[in-house]
Amino acid sequence: VVCLMLLRSDHLLMAQVADPLRTNQSIKHPANTT
């Protein structure tokens, strides 16, 4: 049970770190029409 809880915690931490990276990469800047 302790091992499963540790694996679960590591997975959640990795997801939190990766989400901002994916979010930044998915932002599309509009073409500069000015």
PDB file of all heavy atoms in Angstrom:
ATOM      1  N   VAL A   1       0.845  -1.213   0.000  1.00  0.00           N
ATOM      2  CA  VAL A   1       0.000   0.000   0.000  1.00  0.00           C
ATOM      3  C   VAL A   1       0.865   1.242   0.000  1.00  0.00           C
ATOM      4  O   VAL A   1       0.597   2.217  -0.725  1.00  0.00           O
ATOM      5  CB  VAL A   1      -0.943  -0.027   1.221  1.00  0.00           C
ATOM      6  CG1 VAL A   1      -1.645   1.311   1.363  1.00  0.00           C
ATOM      7  CG2 VAL A   1      -1.955  -1.160   1.103  1.00  0.00           C
ATOM      8  N   VAL A   2       1.932   1.237   0.802  1.00  0.00           N
ATOM      9  CA  VAL A   2       2.828   2.415   0.853  1.00  0.00           C
ATOM     10  C   VAL A   2       3.487   2.642  -0.508  1.00  0.00           C
ATOM     11  O   VAL A   2       3.603   3.778  -0.981  1.00  0.00           O
ATOM     12  CB  VAL A   2       3.872   2.224   1.958  1.00  0.00           C
ATOM     13  CG1 VAL A   2       4.942   3.315   1.880  1.00  0.00           C
ATOM     14  CG2 VAL A   2       3.213   2.242   3.324  1.00  0.00           C
ATOM     15  N   CYS A   3       3.917   1.565  -1.158  1.00  0.00           N
ATOM     16  CA  CYS A   3       4.546   1.705  -2.487  1.00  0.00           C
ATOM     17  C   CYS A   3       3.586   2.290  -3.497  1.00  0.00           C
ATOM     18  O   CYS A   3       3.940   3.138  -4.321  1.00  0.00           O
ATOM     19  CB  CYS A   3       5.072   0.332  -2.947  1.00  0.00           C
ATOM     20  SG  CYS A   3       6.493  -0.246  -1.976  1.00  0.00           S
ATOM     21  N   LEU A   4       2.335   1.820  -3.471  1.00  0.00           N
ATOM     22  CA  LEU A   4       1.332   2.367  -4.393  1.00  0.00           C
ATOM     23  C   LEU A   4       1.100   3.846  -4.153  1.00  0.00           C
ATOM     24  O   LEU A   4       0.937   4.640  -5.084  1.00  0.00           O
ATOM     25  CB  LEU A   4       0.034   1.571  -4.240  1.00  0.00           C
ATOM     26  CG  LEU A   4       0.045   0.137  -4.787  1.00  0.00           C
ATOM     27  CD1 LEU A   4      -1.280  -0.566  -4.443  1.00  0.00           C
ATOM     28  CD2 LEU A   4       0.248   0.161  -6.296  1.00  0.00           C
ATOM     29  N   MET A   5       1.066   4.247  -2.859  1.00  0.00           N
ATOM     30  CA  MET A   5       0.843   5.656  -2.541  1.00  0.00           C
ATOM     31  C   MET A   5       2.019   6.515  -3.023  1.00  0.00           C
ATOM     32  O   MET A   5       1.842   7.629  -3.531  1.00  0.00           O
ATOM     33  CB  MET A   5       0.651   5.816  -1.029  1.00  0.00           C
ATOM     34  CG  MET A   5      -0.652   5.206  -0.497  1.00  0.00           C
ATOM     35  SD  MET A   5      -0.803   5.348   1.309  1.00  0.00           S
ATOM     36  CE  MET A   5      -0.923   7.132   1.467  1.00  0.00           C
ATOM     37  N   LEU A   6       3.234   5.975  -2.883  1.00  0.00           N
ATOM     38  CA  LEU A   6       4.402   6.728  -3.364  1.00  0.00           C
ATOM     39  C   LEU A   6       4.409   6.872  -4.880  1.00  0.00           C
ATOM     40  O   LEU A   6       4.713   7.938  -5.433  1.00  0.00           O
ATOM     41  CB  LEU A   6       5.685   6.033  -2.893  1.00  0.00           C
ATOM     42  CG  LEU A   6       5.968   6.112  -1.391  1.00  0.00           C
ATOM     43  CD1 LEU A   6       7.198   5.265  -1.040  1.00  0.00           C
ATOM     44  CD2 LEU A   6       6.173   7.554  -0.942  1.00  0.00           C
ATOM     45  N   LEU A   7       4.062   5.793  -5.568  1.00  0.00           N
ATOM     46  CA  LEU A   7       3.987   5.858  -7.040  1.00  0.00           C
ATOM     47  C   LEU A   7       2.932   6.856  -7.498  1.00  0.00           C
ATOM     48  O   LEU A   7       3.095   7.598  -8.460  1.00  0.00           O
ATOM     49  CB  LEU A   7       3.699   4.456  -7.596  1.00  0.00           C
ATOM     50  CG  LEU A   7       4.842   3.445  -7.497  1.00  0.00           C
ATOM     51  CD1 LEU A   7       4.358   2.064  -7.956  1.00  0.00           C
ATOM     52  CD2 LEU A   7       6.024   3.897  -8.332  1.00  0.00           C
ATOM     53  N   ARG A   8       1.792   6.854  -6.756  1.00  0.00           N
ATOM     54  CA  ARG A   8       0.715   7.789  -7.101  1.00  0.00           C
ATOM     55  C   ARG A   8       1.172   9.232  -6.908  1.00  0.00           C
ATOM     56  O   ARG A   8       0.875  10.110  -7.723  1.00  0.00           O
ATOM     57  CB  ARG A   8      -0.510   7.484  -6.234  1.00  0.00           C
ATOM     58  CG  ARG A   8      -1.694   8.381  -6.459  1.00  0.00           C
ATOM     59  CD  ARG A   8      -2.240   8.247  -7.862  1.00  0.00           C
ATOM     60  NE  ARG A   8      -3.420   9.064  -8.056  1.00  0.00           N
ATOM     61  CZ  ARG A   8      -4.020   9.264  -9.231  1.00  0.00           C
ATOM     62  NH1 ARG A   8      -3.515   8.679 -10.326  1.00  0.00           N
ATOM     63  NH2 ARG A   8      -5.098  10.012  -9.321  1.00  0.00           N
ATOM     64  N   SER A   9       1.898   9.517  -5.838  1.00  0.00           N
ATOM     65  CA  SER A   9       2.382  10.873  -5.560  1.00  0.00           C
ATOM     66  C   SER A   9       3.366  11.329  -6.629  1.00  0.00           C
ATOM     67  O   SER A   9       3.323  12.472  -7.107  1.00  0.00           O
ATOM     68  CB  SER A   9       3.042  10.922  -4.178  1.00  0.00           C
ATOM     69  OG  SER A   9       2.109  10.588  -3.167  1.00  0.00           O
ATOM     70  N   ASP A  10       4.283  10.400  -7.023  1.00  0.00           N
ATOM     71  CA  ASP A  10       5.240  10.757  -8.073  1.00  0.00           C
ATOM     72  C   ASP A  10       4.540  11.069  -9.391  1.00  0.00           C
ATOM     73  O   ASP A  10       4.913  11.985 -10.127  1.00  0.00           O
ATOM     74  CB  ASP A  10       6.231   9.600  -8.284  1.00  0.00           C
ATOM     75  CG  ASP A  10       7.162   9.446  -7.084  1.00  0.00           C
ATOM     76  OD1 ASP A  10       7.272  10.439  -6.326  1.00  0.00           O
ATOM     77  OD2 ASP A  10       7.755   8.370  -6.939  1.00  0.00           O
ATOM     78  N   HIS A  11       3.510  10.323  -9.718  1.00  0.00           N
ATOM     79  CA  HIS A  11       2.778  10.542 -10.965  1.00  0.00           C
ATOM     80  C   HIS A  11       2.093  11.906 -10.971  1.00  0.00           C
ATOM     81  O   HIS A  11       2.120  12.633 -11.975  1.00  0.00           O
ATOM     82  CB  HIS A  11       1.761   9.401 -11.143  1.00  0.00           C
ATOM     83  CG  HIS A  11       0.913   9.579 -12.369  1.00  0.00           C
ATOM     84  ND1 HIS A  11       1.406   9.374 -13.645  1.00  0.00           N
ATOM     85  CD2 HIS A  11      -0.394   9.961 -12.489  1.00  0.00           C
ATOM     86  CE1 HIS A  11       0.440   9.608 -14.510  1.00  0.00           C
ATOM     87  NE2 HIS A  11      -0.662   9.968 -13.837  1.00  0.00           N
ATOM     88  N   LEU A  12       1.465  12.266  -9.844  1.00  0.00           N
ATOM     89  CA  LEU A  12       0.788  13.569  -9.758  1.00  0.00           C
ATOM     90  C   LEU A  12       1.792  14.708  -9.857  1.00  0.00           C
ATOM     91  O   LEU A  12       1.540  15.740 -10.480  1.00  0.00           O
ATOM     92  CB  LEU A  12      -0.004  13.665  -8.446  1.00  0.00           C
ATOM     93  CG  LEU A  12      -1.233  12.751  -8.334  1.00  0.00           C
ATOM     94  CD1 LEU A  12      -1.839  12.862  -6.934  1.00  0.00           C
ATOM     95  CD2 LEU A  12      -2.276  13.102  -9.393  1.00  0.00           C
ATOM     96  N   LEU A  13       2.957  14.554  -9.252  1.00  0.00           N
ATOM     97  CA  LEU A  13       3.973  15.600  -9.300  1.00  0.00           C
ATOM     98  C   LEU A  13       4.486  15.807 -10.717  1.00  0.00           C
ATOM     99  O   LEU A  13       4.645  16.937 -11.184  1.00  0.00           O
ATOM    100  CB  LEU A  13       5.129  15.216  -8.370  1.00  0.00           C
ATOM    101  CG  LEU A  13       6.291  16.229  -8.293  1.00  0.00           C
ATOM    102  CD1 LEU A  13       5.780  17.573  -7.791  1.00  0.00           C
ATOM    103  CD2 LEU A  13       7.401  15.710  -7.390  1.00  0.00           C
ATOM    104  N   MET A  14       4.725  14.711 -11.410  1.00  0.00           N
ATOM    105  CA  MET A  14       5.192  14.820 -12.791  1.00  0.00           C
ATOM    106  C   MET A  14       4.149  15.481 -13.692  1.00  0.00           C
ATOM    107  O   MET A  14       4.462  16.257 -14.592  1.00  0.00           O
ATOM    108  CB  MET A  14       5.546  13.418 -13.334  1.00  0.00           C
ATOM    109  CG  MET A  14       6.767  12.800 -12.665  1.00  0.00           C
ATOM    110  SD  MET A  14       8.265  13.744 -12.937  1.00  0.00           S
ATOM    111  CE  MET A  14       8.404  13.561 -14.710  1.00  0.00           C
ATOM    112  N   ALA A  15       2.879  15.187 -13.434  1.00  0.00           N
ATOM    113  CA  ALA A  15       1.805  15.787 -14.230  1.00  0.00           C
ATOM    114  C   ALA A  15       1.738  17.288 -14.015  1.00  0.00           C
ATOM    115  O   ALA A  15       1.528  18.076 -14.936  1.00  0.00           O
ATOM    116  CB  ALA A  15       0.464  15.134 -13.881  1.00  0.00           C
ATOM    117  N   GLN A  16       1.941  17.724 -12.748  1.00  0.00           N
ATOM    118  CA  GLN A  16       1.896  19.156 -12.457  1.00  0.00           C
ATOM    119  C   GLN A  16       3.055  19.901 -13.111  1.00  0.00           C
ATOM    120  O   GLN A  16       2.933  21.039 -13.513  1.00  0.00           O
ATOM    121  CB  GLN A  16       1.917  19.366 -10.938  1.00  0.00           C
ATOM    122  CG  GLN A  16       0.641  18.925 -10.245  1.00  0.00           C
ATOM    123  CD  GLN A  16       0.739  19.044  -8.737  1.00  0.00           C
ATOM    124  OE1 GLN A  16       1.791  19.434  -8.214  1.00  0.00           O
ATOM    125  NE2 GLN A  16      -0.325  18.704  -8.054  1.00  0.00           N
ATOM    126  N   VAL A  17       4.209  19.253 -13.180  1.00  0.00           N
ATOM    127  CA  VAL A  17       5.363  19.882 -13.825  1.00  0.00           C
ATOM    128  C   VAL A  17       5.184  19.944 -15.326  1.00  0.00           C
ATOM    129  O   VAL A  17       5.551  20.911 -15.992  1.00  0.00           O
ATOM    130  CB  VAL A  17       6.650  19.114 -13.454  1.00  0.00           C
ATOM    131  CG1 VAL A  17       7.839  19.642 -14.257  1.00  0.00           C
ATOM    132  CG2 VAL A  17       6.915  19.241 -11.971  1.00  0.00           C
ATOM    133  N   ALA A  18       4.607  18.936 -15.935  1.00  0.00           N
ATOM    134  CA  ALA A  18       4.488  18.856 -17.394  1.00  0.00           C
ATOM    135  C   ALA A  18       3.379  19.742 -17.926  1.00  0.00           C
ATOM    136  O   ALA A  18       3.454  20.243 -19.041  1.00  0.00           O
ATOM    137  CB  ALA A  18       4.256  17.402 -17.821  1.00  0.00           C
ATOM    138  N   ASP A  19       2.321  19.962 -17.134  1.00  0.00           N
ATOM    139  CA  ASP A  19       1.174  20.739 -17.640  1.00  0.00           C
ATOM    140  C   ASP A  19       1.552  22.156 -18.054  1.00  0.00           C
ATOM    141  O   ASP A  19       1.143  22.634 -19.116  1.00  0.00           O
ATOM    142  CB  ASP A  19       0.059  20.758 -16.599  1.00  0.00           C
ATOM    143  CG  ASP A  19      -0.745  19.462 -16.600  1.00  0.00           C
ATOM    144  OD1 ASP A  19      -0.630  18.710 -17.600  1.00  0.00           O
ATOM    145  OD2 ASP A  19      -1.481  19.221 -15.624  1.00  0.00           O
ATOM    146  N   PRO A  20       2.303  22.909 -17.254  1.00  0.00           N
ATOM    147  CA  PRO A  20       2.679  24.256 -17.702  1.00  0.00           C
ATOM    148  C   PRO A  20       3.477  24.250 -18.980  1.00  0.00           C
ATOM    149  O   PRO A  20       3.351  25.128 -19.810  1.00  0.00           O
ATOM    150  CB  PRO A  20       3.510  24.799 -16.524  1.00  0.00           C
ATOM    151  CG  PRO A  20       3.070  24.005 -15.342  1.00  0.00           C
ATOM    152  CD  PRO A  20       2.772  22.642 -15.872  1.00  0.00           C
ATOM    153  N   LEU A  21       4.355  23.201 -19.148  1.00  0.00           N
ATOM    154  CA  LEU A  21       5.129  23.134 -20.383  1.00  0.00           C
ATOM    155  C   LEU A  21       4.240  22.926 -21.586  1.00  0.00           C
ATOM    156  O   LEU A  21       4.386  23.562 -22.625  1.00  0.00           O
ATOM    157  CB  LEU A  21       6.164  22.001 -20.279  1.00  0.00           C
ATOM    158  CG  LEU A  21       7.245  22.195 -19.207  1.00  0.00           C
ATOM    159  CD1 LEU A  21       8.135  20.949 -19.145  1.00  0.00           C
ATOM    160  CD2 LEU A  21       8.068  23.436 -19.505  1.00  0.00           C
ATOM    161  N   ARG A  22       3.259  22.021 -21.440  1.00  0.00           N
ATOM    162  CA  ARG A  22       2.333  21.778 -22.548  1.00  0.00           C
ATOM    163  C   ARG A  22       1.486  23.001 -22.830  1.00  0.00           C
ATOM    164  O   ARG A  22       1.163  23.323 -23.969  1.00  0.00           O
ATOM    165  CB  ARG A  22       1.444  20.555 -22.226  1.00  0.00           C
ATOM    166  CG  ARG A  22       2.200  19.226 -22.285  1.00  0.00           C
ATOM    167  CD  ARG A  22       1.210  18.068 -22.372  1.00  0.00           C
ATOM    168  NE  ARG A  22       0.318  18.039 -21.213  1.00  0.00           N
ATOM    169  CZ  ARG A  22       0.540  17.315 -20.124  1.00  0.00           C
ATOM    170  NH1 ARG A  22       1.662  16.595 -20.017  1.00  0.00           N
ATOM    171  NH2 ARG A  22      -0.325  17.317 -19.130  1.00  0.00           N
ATOM    172  N   THR A  23       1.085  23.676 -21.737  1.00  0.00           N
ATOM    173  CA  THR A  23       0.259  24.871 -21.915  1.00  0.00           C
ATOM    174  C   THR A  23       1.005  25.945 -22.673  1.00  0.00           C
ATOM    175  O   THR A  23       0.479  26.595 -23.581  1.00  0.00           O
ATOM    176  CB  THR A  23      -0.191  25.424 -20.545  1.00  0.00           C
ATOM    177  OG1 THR A  23      -0.898  24.402 -19.849  1.00  0.00           O
ATOM    178  CG2 THR A  23      -1.085  26.648 -20.720  1.00  0.00           C
ATOM    179  N   ASN A  24       2.294  26.150 -22.311  1.00  0.00           N
ATOM    180  CA  ASN A  24       3.096  27.169 -22.985  1.00  0.00           C
ATOM    181  C   ASN A  24       3.321  26.822 -24.450  1.00  0.00           C
ATOM    182  O   ASN A  24       3.331  27.680 -25.323  1.00  0.00           O
ATOM    183  CB  ASN A  24       4.448  27.341 -22.280  1.00  0.00           C
ATOM    184  CG  ASN A  24       4.277  27.962 -20.905  1.00  0.00           C
ATOM    185  OD1 ASN A  24       3.304  28.660 -20.655  1.00  0.00           O
ATOM    186  ND2 ASN A  24       5.247  27.703 -20.012  1.00  0.00           N
ATOM    187  N   GLN A  25       3.527  25.522 -24.723  1.00  0.00           N
ATOM    188  CA  GLN A  25       3.767  25.119 -26.101  1.00  0.00           C
ATOM    189  C   GLN A  25       2.519  25.226 -26.950  1.00  0.00           C
ATOM    190  O   GLN A  25       2.592  25.403 -28.163  1.00  0.00           O
ATOM    191  CB  GLN A  25       4.286  23.674 -26.130  1.00  0.00           C
ATOM    192  CG  GLN A  25       5.684  23.535 -25.532  1.00  0.00           C
ATOM    193  CD  GLN A  25       6.102  22.082 -25.450  1.00  0.00           C
ATOM    194  OE1 GLN A  25       5.310  21.184 -25.770  1.00  0.00           O
ATOM    195  NE2 GLN A  25       7.333  21.852 -25.023  1.00  0.00           N
ATOM    196  N   SER A  26       1.337  25.091 -26.319  1.00  0.00           N
ATOM    197  CA  SER A  26       0.087  25.094 -27.093  1.00  0.00           C
ATOM    198  C   SER A  26      -0.418  26.484 -27.376  1.00  0.00           C
ATOM    199  O   SER A  26      -1.367  26.651 -28.135  1.00  0.00           O
ATOM    200  CB  SER A  26      -0.996  24.301 -26.341  1.00  0.00           C
ATOM    201  OG  SER A  26      -1.278  24.937 -25.094  1.00  0.00           O
ATOM    202  N   ILE A  27       0.183  27.512 -26.728  1.00  0.00           N
ATOM    203  CA  ILE A  27      -0.285  28.881 -26.969  1.00  0.00           C
ATOM    204  C   ILE A  27       0.163  29.299 -28.366  1.00  0.00           C
ATOM    205  O   ILE A  27       1.338  29.230 -28.703  1.00  0.00           O
ATOM    206  CB  ILE A  27       0.282  29.856 -25.923  1.00  0.00           C
ATOM    207  CG1 ILE A  27      -0.291  29.518 -24.546  1.00  0.00           C
ATOM    208  CG2 ILE A  27      -0.043  31.292 -26.298  1.00  0.00           C
ATOM    209  CD1 ILE A  27       0.293  30.374 -23.434  1.00  0.00           C
ATOM    210  N   LYS A  28      -0.766  29.728 -29.160  1.00  0.00           N
ATOM    211  CA  LYS A  28      -0.472  30.174 -30.517  1.00  0.00           C
ATOM    212  C   LYS A  28      -0.579  31.687 -30.561  1.00  0.00           C
ATOM    213  O   LYS A  28      -1.625  32.240 -30.241  1.00  0.00           O
ATOM    214  CB  LYS A  28      -1.443  29.559 -31.527  1.00  0.00           C
ATOM    215  CG  LYS A  28      -1.315  28.056 -31.637  1.00  0.00           C
ATOM    216  CD  LYS A  28      -2.254  27.519 -32.672  1.00  0.00           C
ATOM    217  CE  LYS A  28      -2.129  26.014 -32.799  1.00  0.00           C
ATOM    218  NZ  LYS A  28      -3.059  25.477 -33.806  1.00  0.00           N
ATOM    219  N   HIS A  29       0.493  32.318 -30.957  1.00  0.00           N
ATOM    220  CA  HIS A  29       0.486  33.779 -31.040  1.00  0.00           C
ATOM    221  C   HIS A  29      -0.127  34.206 -32.367  1.00  0.00           C
ATOM    222  O   HIS A  29       0.256  33.690 -33.418  1.00  0.00           O
ATOM    223  CB  HIS A  29       1.915  34.312 -30.943  1.00  0.00           C
ATOM    224  CG  HIS A  29       2.557  33.966 -29.630  1.00  0.00           C
ATOM    225  ND1 HIS A  29       2.297  34.679 -28.477  1.00  0.00           N
ATOM    226  CD2 HIS A  29       3.432  32.976 -29.297  1.00  0.00           C
ATOM    227  CE1 HIS A  29       2.994  34.149 -27.477  1.00  0.00           C
ATOM    228  NE2 HIS A  29       3.673  33.114 -27.954  1.00  0.00           N
ATOM    229  N   PRO A  30      -1.087  35.106 -32.336  1.00  0.00           N
ATOM    230  CA  PRO A  30      -1.678  35.551 -33.592  1.00  0.00           C
ATOM    231  C   PRO A  30      -0.662  36.266 -34.443  1.00  0.00           C
ATOM    232  O   PRO A  30       0.287  36.858 -33.932  1.00  0.00           O
ATOM    233  CB  PRO A  30      -2.799  36.520 -33.127  1.00  0.00           C
ATOM    234  CG  PRO A  30      -2.372  36.970 -31.764  1.00  0.00           C
ATOM    235  CD  PRO A  30      -1.647  35.808 -31.162  1.00  0.00           C
ATOM    236  N   ALA A  31      -0.863  36.193 -35.753  1.00  0.00           N
ATOM    237  CA  ALA A  31       0.037  36.855 -36.689  1.00  0.00           C
ATOM    238  C   ALA A  31       0.001  38.352 -36.464  1.00  0.00           C
ATOM    239  O   ALA A  31      -1.052  38.926 -36.223  1.00  0.00           O
ATOM    240  CB  ALA A  31      -0.371  36.528 -38.127  1.00  0.00           C
ATOM    241  N   ASN A  32       1.143  38.950 -36.539  1.00  0.00           N
ATOM    242  CA  ASN A  32       1.233  40.394 -36.320  1.00  0.00           C
ATOM    243  C   ASN A  32       0.757  41.123 -37.569  1.00  0.00           C
ATOM    244  O   ASN A  32       1.448  41.189 -38.573  1.00  0.00           O
ATOM    245  CB  ASN A  32       2.686  40.775 -36.016  1.00  0.00           C
ATOM    246  CG  ASN A  32       2.807  42.243 -35.686  1.00  0.00           C
ATOM    247  OD1 ASN A  32       1.807  42.906 -35.434  1.00  0.00           O
ATOM    248  ND2 ASN A  32       4.046  42.747 -35.722  1.00  0.00           N
ATOM    249  N   THR A  33      -0.474  41.617 -37.497  1.00  0.00           N
ATOM    250  CA  THR A  33      -1.065  42.293 -38.645  1.00  0.00           C
ATOM    251  C   THR A  33      -0.957  43.799 -38.550  1.00  0.00           C
ATOM    252  O   THR A  33      -1.438  44.515 -39.411  1.00  0.00           O
ATOM    253  CB  THR A  33      -2.547  41.915 -38.793  1.00  0.00           C
ATOM    254  OG1 THR A  33      -3.227  42.265 -37.570  1.00  0.00           O
ATOM    255  CG2 THR A  33      -2.695  40.425 -39.045  1.00  0.00           C
ATOM    256  N   THR A  34      -0.337  44.279 -37.471  1.00  0.00           N
ATOM    257  CA  THR A  34      -0.211  45.724 -37.299  1.00  0.00           C
ATOM    258  C   THR A  34       0.972  46.217 -38.111  1.00  0.00           C
ATOM    259  O   THR A  34       2.079  45.719 -37.974  1.00  0.00           O
ATOM    260  CB  THR A  34      -0.008  46.083 -35.816  1.00  0.00           C
ATOM    261  OG1 THR A  34      -1.099  45.559 -35.065  1.00  0.00           O
ATOM    262  CG2 THR A  34       0.074  47.597 -35.637  1.00  0.00           C
TER     263      THR A  34
END
